[in-house]
Every structure is written in structure tokens, then in C-alpha cells.
Amino acid sequence: MDEKLAVEALGALAQDTRLRVFRLLMEAGPEGLPAGEIARRLGTPGNTMSTHLAILTRAGLLHSKREGRVVAYAAAIPGVRNLIAFLVEQCCGGRPDDCASLLDAALPLGCCPSSAGAAGSAL
């Protein structure tokens, strides 16, 4: 992950509603949730939620799948993992292998097998 994308992802998470959306979708797992359900659970108007979801998606932290008129969102596990890896890349004097346990503890590779594709892949 390059620095520009890392800043965009961190900026996307630096807002209370978007952080709550992100945490909700991490909890929901690879199936994700429909946009309307996310808005309902967080008590946010649909048009406002749409903006938040778009920002998180552009930042590589969410991906979506349209089924008819319903758009469902889920955490983009590869994008999340890449962000965490970027943050600890210079850990231990530039020896990231020494800090691999941080990444594995935060987001083990096998945690969400159906989300193992590219950060922008569909649900």
C-alpha cells in the first residue's frame, strides 16, 4: 500500500459514523449487510450513509455487491490487512518479520476466507 492510499484509508476512518460502519461490517463478516440495514442500525439517514459508504469503499476498506435493488457492503479484508501491514511496515527497525505477530493478531490470514480476493473485489 502506498502512503497516499494509507492516508485516504485512515482519513476515512477518522470520522465517528464511518468508524462505526467499519466496525459493524467487520463484525458482520464476509456476508456484509445491505446499505439500508447499516443505516437503520446506526440511526443515520440513507443519503448520508450512502456518502459514508462511498468514502470507505474508495479508501479500499469496503466492497459492495448489488442484488437487484439492494446493495450490500462488507469489509474488504485484503484492504484492511494492507493498511495494518503499512502501519507496522517499519516496525522493529524495518524488520517487519519481527512484528508479523502484530498483523496476524489483528487480522489473521484465515479469518475471513471468502474475502481473500483483491481489496476491490465484489462480495
N, C-alpha and C. Protein backbone atom coordinates (compact mmCIF):
# COMPACT_ATOMS: atom_id res chain seq x y z
N MET A 1 0.86 -1.18 0.00
CA MET A 1 0.00 0.00 0.00
C MET A 1 0.89 1.23 0.00
N ASP A 2 0.54 2.19 -0.83
CA ASP A 2 1.34 3.41 -0.85
C ASP A 2 0.81 4.39 0.20
N GLU A 3 1.61 5.40 0.46
CA GLU A 3 1.28 6.36 1.52
C GLU A 3 -0.02 7.10 1.23
N LYS A 4 -0.26 7.47 -0.02
CA LYS A 4 -1.47 8.21 -0.37
C LYS A 4 -2.72 7.40 -0.03
N LEU A 5 -2.73 6.11 -0.37
CA LEU A 5 -3.89 5.27 -0.06
C LEU A 5 -4.02 5.06 1.45
N ALA A 6 -2.90 4.93 2.15
CA ALA A 6 -2.95 4.78 3.60
C ALA A 6 -3.57 6.01 4.25
N VAL A 7 -3.18 7.19 3.80
CA VAL A 7 -3.74 8.42 4.34
C VAL A 7 -5.23 8.50 4.04
N GLU A 8 -5.64 8.09 2.84
CA GLU A 8 -7.06 8.09 2.48
C GLU A 8 -7.84 7.13 3.38
N ALA A 9 -7.29 5.94 3.62
CA ALA A 9 -7.97 4.96 4.47
C ALA A 9 -8.06 5.44 5.91
N LEU A 10 -6.98 5.99 6.42
CA LEU A 10 -7.01 6.49 7.80
C LEU A 10 -7.95 7.69 7.92
N GLY A 11 -7.97 8.53 6.90
CA GLY A 11 -8.88 9.67 6.89
C GLY A 11 -10.34 9.21 6.86
N ALA A 12 -10.60 8.14 6.10
CA ALA A 12 -11.96 7.61 6.03
C ALA A 12 -12.42 7.12 7.40
N LEU A 13 -11.50 6.55 8.14
CA LEU A 13 -11.84 6.03 9.47
C LEU A 13 -11.85 7.10 10.56
N ALA A 14 -11.35 8.29 10.23
CA ALA A 14 -11.24 9.37 11.22
C ALA A 14 -12.52 10.19 11.32
N GLN A 15 -13.65 9.51 11.25
CA GLN A 15 -14.95 10.17 11.39
C GLN A 15 -15.84 9.17 12.12
N ASP A 16 -16.58 9.61 13.12
CA ASP A 16 -17.26 8.68 14.02
C ASP A 16 -18.25 7.75 13.32
N THR A 17 -19.07 8.24 12.42
CA THR A 17 -20.04 7.37 11.75
C THR A 17 -19.33 6.34 10.89
N ARG A 18 -18.32 6.77 10.13
CA ARG A 18 -17.61 5.82 9.28
C ARG A 18 -16.87 4.78 10.10
N LEU A 19 -16.32 5.18 11.23
CA LEU A 19 -15.66 4.20 12.09
C LEU A 19 -16.67 3.18 12.61
N ARG A 20 -17.87 3.64 12.96
CA ARG A 20 -18.91 2.73 13.43
C ARG A 20 -19.36 1.79 12.31
N VAL A 21 -19.47 2.30 11.08
CA VAL A 21 -19.83 1.46 9.93
C VAL A 21 -18.77 0.39 9.74
N PHE A 22 -17.53 0.81 9.74
CA PHE A 22 -16.42 -0.13 9.54
C PHE A 22 -16.44 -1.23 10.60
N ARG A 23 -16.59 -0.86 11.84
CA ARG A 23 -16.62 -1.85 12.92
C ARG A 23 -17.82 -2.78 12.80
N LEU A 24 -18.97 -2.23 12.43
CA LEU A 24 -20.17 -3.04 12.23
C LEU A 24 -19.95 -4.08 11.12
N LEU A 25 -19.33 -3.64 10.03
CA LEU A 25 -19.12 -4.56 8.91
C LEU A 25 -18.01 -5.56 9.18
N MET A 26 -17.04 -5.20 9.98
CA MET A 26 -16.03 -6.19 10.40
C MET A 26 -16.71 -7.28 11.22
N GLU A 27 -17.63 -6.88 12.07
CA GLU A 27 -18.38 -7.83 12.90
C GLU A 27 -19.32 -8.68 12.05
N ALA A 28 -19.91 -8.09 11.02
CA ALA A 28 -20.89 -8.81 10.18
C ALA A 28 -20.25 -9.92 9.37
N GLY A 29 -18.95 -9.83 9.12
CA GLY A 29 -18.28 -10.89 8.37
C GLY A 29 -18.40 -10.72 6.87
N PRO A 30 -17.98 -11.74 6.14
CA PRO A 30 -17.91 -11.64 4.68
C PRO A 30 -19.25 -11.46 3.98
N GLU A 31 -20.34 -11.81 4.64
CA GLU A 31 -21.66 -11.62 4.03
C GLU A 31 -22.04 -10.16 3.98
N GLY A 32 -21.53 -9.38 4.91
CA GLY A 32 -21.84 -7.97 4.97
C GLY A 32 -23.29 -7.70 5.31
N LEU A 33 -23.73 -6.50 5.02
CA LEU A 33 -25.10 -6.06 5.30
C LEU A 33 -25.58 -5.15 4.19
N PRO A 34 -26.88 -5.15 3.93
CA PRO A 34 -27.44 -4.19 2.97
C PRO A 34 -27.26 -2.76 3.50
N ALA A 35 -27.09 -1.82 2.57
CA ALA A 35 -26.87 -0.42 2.94
C ALA A 35 -28.00 0.10 3.83
N GLY A 36 -29.23 -0.25 3.52
CA GLY A 36 -30.36 0.22 4.32
C GLY A 36 -30.31 -0.30 5.75
N GLU A 37 -29.85 -1.54 5.91
CA GLU A 37 -29.73 -2.12 7.25
C GLU A 37 -28.62 -1.42 8.05
N ILE A 38 -27.54 -1.11 7.37
CA ILE A 38 -26.44 -0.38 8.04
C ILE A 38 -26.97 0.97 8.53
N ALA A 39 -27.67 1.68 7.66
CA ALA A 39 -28.22 2.99 8.04
C ALA A 39 -29.19 2.86 9.21
N ARG A 40 -30.05 1.84 9.16
CA ARG A 40 -31.03 1.64 10.23
C ARG A 40 -30.33 1.35 11.55
N ARG A 41 -29.38 0.44 11.53
CA ARG A 41 -28.69 0.07 12.78
C ARG A 41 -27.94 1.23 13.41
N LEU A 42 -27.42 2.12 12.57
CA LEU A 42 -26.64 3.23 13.10
C LEU A 42 -27.45 4.52 13.24
N GLY A 43 -28.72 4.45 12.86
CA GLY A 43 -29.58 5.63 13.00
C GLY A 43 -29.15 6.80 12.14
N THR A 44 -28.72 6.50 10.92
CA THR A 44 -28.22 7.52 10.01
C THR A 44 -29.12 7.57 8.78
N PRO A 45 -29.49 8.75 8.29
CA PRO A 45 -30.30 8.84 7.08
C PRO A 45 -29.61 8.14 5.90
N GLY A 46 -30.41 7.54 5.02
CA GLY A 46 -29.88 6.77 3.91
C GLY A 46 -28.94 7.54 3.00
N ASN A 47 -29.29 8.80 2.68
CA ASN A 47 -28.42 9.56 1.78
C ASN A 47 -27.08 9.89 2.44
N THR A 48 -27.10 10.16 3.72
CA THR A 48 -25.86 10.40 4.45
C THR A 48 -25.03 9.12 4.52
N MET A 49 -25.70 7.98 4.79
CA MET A 49 -25.00 6.71 4.86
C MET A 49 -24.36 6.38 3.52
N SER A 50 -25.04 6.68 2.43
CA SER A 50 -24.51 6.42 1.10
C SER A 50 -23.17 7.12 0.90
N THR A 51 -23.08 8.35 1.37
CA THR A 51 -21.83 9.10 1.27
C THR A 51 -20.73 8.44 2.09
N HIS A 52 -21.04 8.04 3.31
CA HIS A 52 -20.05 7.38 4.16
C HIS A 52 -19.57 6.07 3.54
N LEU A 53 -20.50 5.29 3.00
CA LEU A 53 -20.14 4.01 2.38
C LEU A 53 -19.25 4.23 1.16
N ALA A 54 -19.53 5.26 0.39
CA ALA A 54 -18.71 5.57 -0.79
C ALA A 54 -17.29 5.95 -0.38
N ILE A 55 -17.15 6.73 0.67
CA ILE A 55 -15.81 7.14 1.14
C ILE A 55 -15.02 5.92 1.60
N LEU A 56 -15.64 5.04 2.37
CA LEU A 56 -14.96 3.84 2.85
C LEU A 56 -14.62 2.89 1.70
N THR A 57 -15.47 2.83 0.69
CA THR A 57 -15.22 1.98 -0.47
C THR A 57 -14.04 2.53 -1.28
N ARG A 58 -14.04 3.84 -1.55
CA ARG A 58 -12.93 4.45 -2.30
C ARG A 58 -11.61 4.27 -1.57
N ALA A 59 -11.66 4.21 -0.25
CA ALA A 59 -10.44 4.05 0.56
C ALA A 59 -9.97 2.60 0.57
N GLY A 60 -10.72 1.69 -0.04
CA GLY A 60 -10.31 0.29 -0.11
C GLY A 60 -10.66 -0.52 1.12
N LEU A 61 -11.52 0.03 1.99
CA LEU A 61 -11.86 -0.66 3.24
C LEU A 61 -13.17 -1.44 3.15
N LEU A 62 -14.00 -1.15 2.15
CA LEU A 62 -15.26 -1.86 1.93
C LEU A 62 -15.36 -2.25 0.47
N HIS A 63 -16.21 -3.23 0.20
CA HIS A 63 -16.60 -3.52 -1.17
C HIS A 63 -18.08 -3.83 -1.15
N SER A 64 -18.69 -3.77 -2.33
CA SER A 64 -20.14 -3.91 -2.39
C SER A 64 -20.54 -4.92 -3.46
N LYS A 65 -21.79 -5.35 -3.32
CA LYS A 65 -22.39 -6.27 -4.30
C LYS A 65 -23.85 -5.86 -4.44
N ARG A 66 -24.25 -5.69 -5.69
CA ARG A 66 -25.65 -5.33 -5.96
C ARG A 66 -26.43 -6.60 -6.26
N GLU A 67 -27.57 -6.73 -5.60
CA GLU A 67 -28.51 -7.83 -5.87
C GLU A 67 -29.86 -7.18 -6.10
N GLY A 68 -30.20 -7.01 -7.37
CA GLY A 68 -31.44 -6.30 -7.70
C GLY A 68 -31.31 -4.85 -7.28
N ARG A 69 -32.21 -4.41 -6.44
CA ARG A 69 -32.20 -3.02 -5.97
C ARG A 69 -31.41 -2.84 -4.68
N VAL A 70 -30.94 -3.95 -4.11
CA VAL A 70 -30.24 -3.90 -2.83
C VAL A 70 -28.73 -3.95 -3.05
N VAL A 71 -28.02 -3.04 -2.38
CA VAL A 71 -26.56 -3.05 -2.40
C VAL A 71 -26.10 -3.44 -1.01
N ALA A 72 -25.32 -4.52 -0.95
CA ALA A 72 -24.77 -4.97 0.33
C ALA A 72 -23.29 -4.59 0.39
N TYR A 73 -22.83 -4.25 1.58
CA TYR A 73 -21.43 -3.86 1.79
C TYR A 73 -20.80 -4.81 2.79
N ALA A 74 -19.51 -5.06 2.60
CA ALA A 74 -18.73 -5.87 3.53
C ALA A 74 -17.34 -5.28 3.64
N ALA A 75 -16.66 -5.60 4.71
CA ALA A 75 -15.28 -5.15 4.88
C ALA A 75 -14.42 -5.81 3.82
N ALA A 76 -13.53 -5.04 3.21
CA ALA A 76 -12.58 -5.56 2.23
C ALA A 76 -11.34 -6.00 3.01
N ILE A 77 -11.36 -7.25 3.43
CA ILE A 77 -10.30 -7.76 4.30
C ILE A 77 -8.90 -7.54 3.73
N PRO A 78 -8.65 -7.78 2.45
CA PRO A 78 -7.30 -7.50 1.94
C PRO A 78 -6.90 -6.04 2.10
N GLY A 79 -7.83 -5.11 1.89
CA GLY A 79 -7.52 -3.69 2.07
C GLY A 79 -7.22 -3.35 3.52
N VAL A 80 -7.97 -3.95 4.43
CA VAL A 80 -7.75 -3.73 5.86
C VAL A 80 -6.39 -4.29 6.26
N ARG A 81 -6.12 -5.49 5.79
CA ARG A 81 -4.83 -6.13 6.10
C ARG A 81 -3.67 -5.30 5.54
N ASN A 82 -3.83 -4.79 4.31
CA ASN A 82 -2.78 -3.95 3.71
C ASN A 82 -2.54 -2.69 4.52
N LEU A 83 -3.61 -2.08 5.04
CA LEU A 83 -3.45 -0.89 5.86
C LEU A 83 -2.69 -1.21 7.14
N ILE A 84 -3.06 -2.29 7.79
CA ILE A 84 -2.37 -2.68 9.02
C ILE A 84 -0.90 -2.99 8.72
N ALA A 85 -0.66 -3.69 7.62
CA ALA A 85 0.72 -4.01 7.24
C ALA A 85 1.52 -2.74 6.98
N PHE A 86 0.90 -1.76 6.31
CA PHE A 86 1.57 -0.49 6.05
C PHE A 86 1.95 0.19 7.37
N LEU A 87 1.05 0.16 8.34
CA LEU A 87 1.31 0.82 9.62
C LEU A 87 2.45 0.20 10.40
N VAL A 88 2.67 -1.10 10.24
CA VAL A 88 3.73 -1.77 11.01
C VAL A 88 4.94 -2.12 10.14
N GLU A 89 4.94 -1.64 8.91
CA GLU A 89 6.00 -1.98 7.95
C GLU A 89 7.40 -1.66 8.47
N GLN A 90 7.55 -0.55 9.13
CA GLN A 90 8.87 -0.16 9.63
C GLN A 90 9.08 -0.58 11.09
N CYS A 91 8.21 -1.44 11.55
CA CYS A 91 8.30 -1.96 12.92
C CYS A 91 9.64 -2.64 13.13
N CYS A 92 10.16 -2.50 14.31
CA CYS A 92 11.40 -3.19 14.69
C CYS A 92 12.55 -2.82 13.76
N GLY A 93 12.70 -1.55 13.49
CA GLY A 93 13.83 -1.09 12.70
C GLY A 93 13.80 -1.55 11.26
N GLY A 94 12.60 -1.66 10.68
CA GLY A 94 12.50 -2.06 9.29
C GLY A 94 12.56 -3.56 9.07
N ARG A 95 12.38 -4.34 10.13
CA ARG A 95 12.35 -5.79 10.04
C ARG A 95 10.92 -6.26 10.32
N PRO A 96 10.01 -6.11 9.34
CA PRO A 96 8.60 -6.41 9.57
C PRO A 96 8.35 -7.85 10.00
N ASP A 97 9.24 -8.77 9.63
CA ASP A 97 9.05 -10.16 10.06
C ASP A 97 9.08 -10.28 11.58
N ASP A 98 9.83 -9.39 12.23
CA ASP A 98 9.89 -9.41 13.69
C ASP A 98 8.56 -9.00 14.31
N CYS A 99 7.74 -8.29 13.55
CA CYS A 99 6.46 -7.81 14.06
C CYS A 99 5.28 -8.47 13.37
N ALA A 100 5.52 -9.56 12.64
CA ALA A 100 4.44 -10.25 11.93
C ALA A 100 3.33 -10.65 12.87
N SER A 101 3.67 -10.93 14.12
CA SER A 101 2.64 -11.33 15.07
C SER A 101 1.61 -10.23 15.29
N LEU A 102 2.00 -8.95 15.15
CA LEU A 102 1.04 -7.85 15.28
C LEU A 102 -0.03 -7.95 14.20
N LEU A 103 0.41 -8.17 12.96
CA LEU A 103 -0.52 -8.27 11.84
C LEU A 103 -1.39 -9.52 11.98
N ASP A 104 -0.77 -10.62 12.34
CA ASP A 104 -1.54 -11.86 12.49
C ASP A 104 -2.53 -11.77 13.65
N ALA A 105 -2.17 -11.09 14.71
CA ALA A 105 -3.09 -10.94 15.84
C ALA A 105 -4.26 -10.03 15.46
N ALA A 106 -3.98 -8.99 14.68
CA ALA A 106 -5.03 -8.06 14.30
C ALA A 106 -5.97 -8.65 13.25
N LEU A 107 -5.42 -9.38 12.30
CA LEU A 107 -6.23 -9.88 11.19
C LEU A 107 -5.55 -11.10 10.57
N PRO A 108 -5.71 -12.26 11.18
CA PRO A 108 -5.09 -13.46 10.64
C PRO A 108 -5.55 -13.74 9.21
N LEU A 109 -4.64 -14.29 8.40
CA LEU A 109 -4.96 -14.58 7.00
C LEU A 109 -6.20 -15.44 6.87
N GLY A 110 -6.40 -16.41 7.72
CA GLY A 110 -7.53 -17.32 7.60
C GLY A 110 -8.81 -16.86 8.26
N CYS A 111 -8.84 -15.61 8.74
CA CYS A 111 -10.02 -15.16 9.49
C CYS A 111 -11.27 -15.06 8.64
N CYS A 112 -11.12 -14.68 7.42
CA CYS A 112 -12.28 -14.44 6.55
C CYS A 112 -11.99 -15.02 5.18
N PRO A 113 -12.00 -16.35 5.03
CA PRO A 113 -11.55 -16.97 3.78
C PRO A 113 -12.30 -16.52 2.54
N SER A 114 -13.58 -16.19 2.63
CA SER A 114 -14.30 -15.81 1.43
C SER A 114 -13.99 -14.39 1.00
N SER A 115 -13.20 -13.66 1.79
CA SER A 115 -12.82 -12.29 1.45
C SER A 115 -11.37 -12.23 1.03
N ALA A 116 -10.78 -13.33 0.66
CA ALA A 116 -9.35 -13.38 0.38
C ALA A 116 -8.95 -12.76 -0.95
N GLY A 117 -9.89 -12.29 -1.76
CA GLY A 117 -9.57 -11.70 -3.05
C GLY A 117 -8.99 -10.31 -2.92
N ALA A 118 -8.90 -9.62 -4.02
CA ALA A 118 -8.34 -8.28 -4.03
C ALA A 118 -9.22 -7.33 -3.24
N ALA A 119 -8.61 -6.25 -2.78
CA ALA A 119 -9.33 -5.29 -1.95
C ALA A 119 -10.58 -4.74 -2.62
N GLY A 120 -10.58 -4.64 -3.91
CA GLY A 120 -11.74 -4.08 -4.59
C GLY A 120 -12.70 -5.12 -5.13
N SER A 121 -12.50 -6.38 -4.78
CA SER A 121 -13.35 -7.41 -5.35
C SER A 121 -14.75 -7.35 -4.78
N ALA A 122 -15.67 -7.93 -5.51
CA ALA A 122 -17.08 -7.95 -5.07
C ALA A 122 -17.28 -8.96 -3.99
N LEU A 123 -18.41 -8.84 -3.28
CA LEU A 123 -18.76 -9.77 -2.21
C LEU A 123 -18.79 -11.18 -2.69
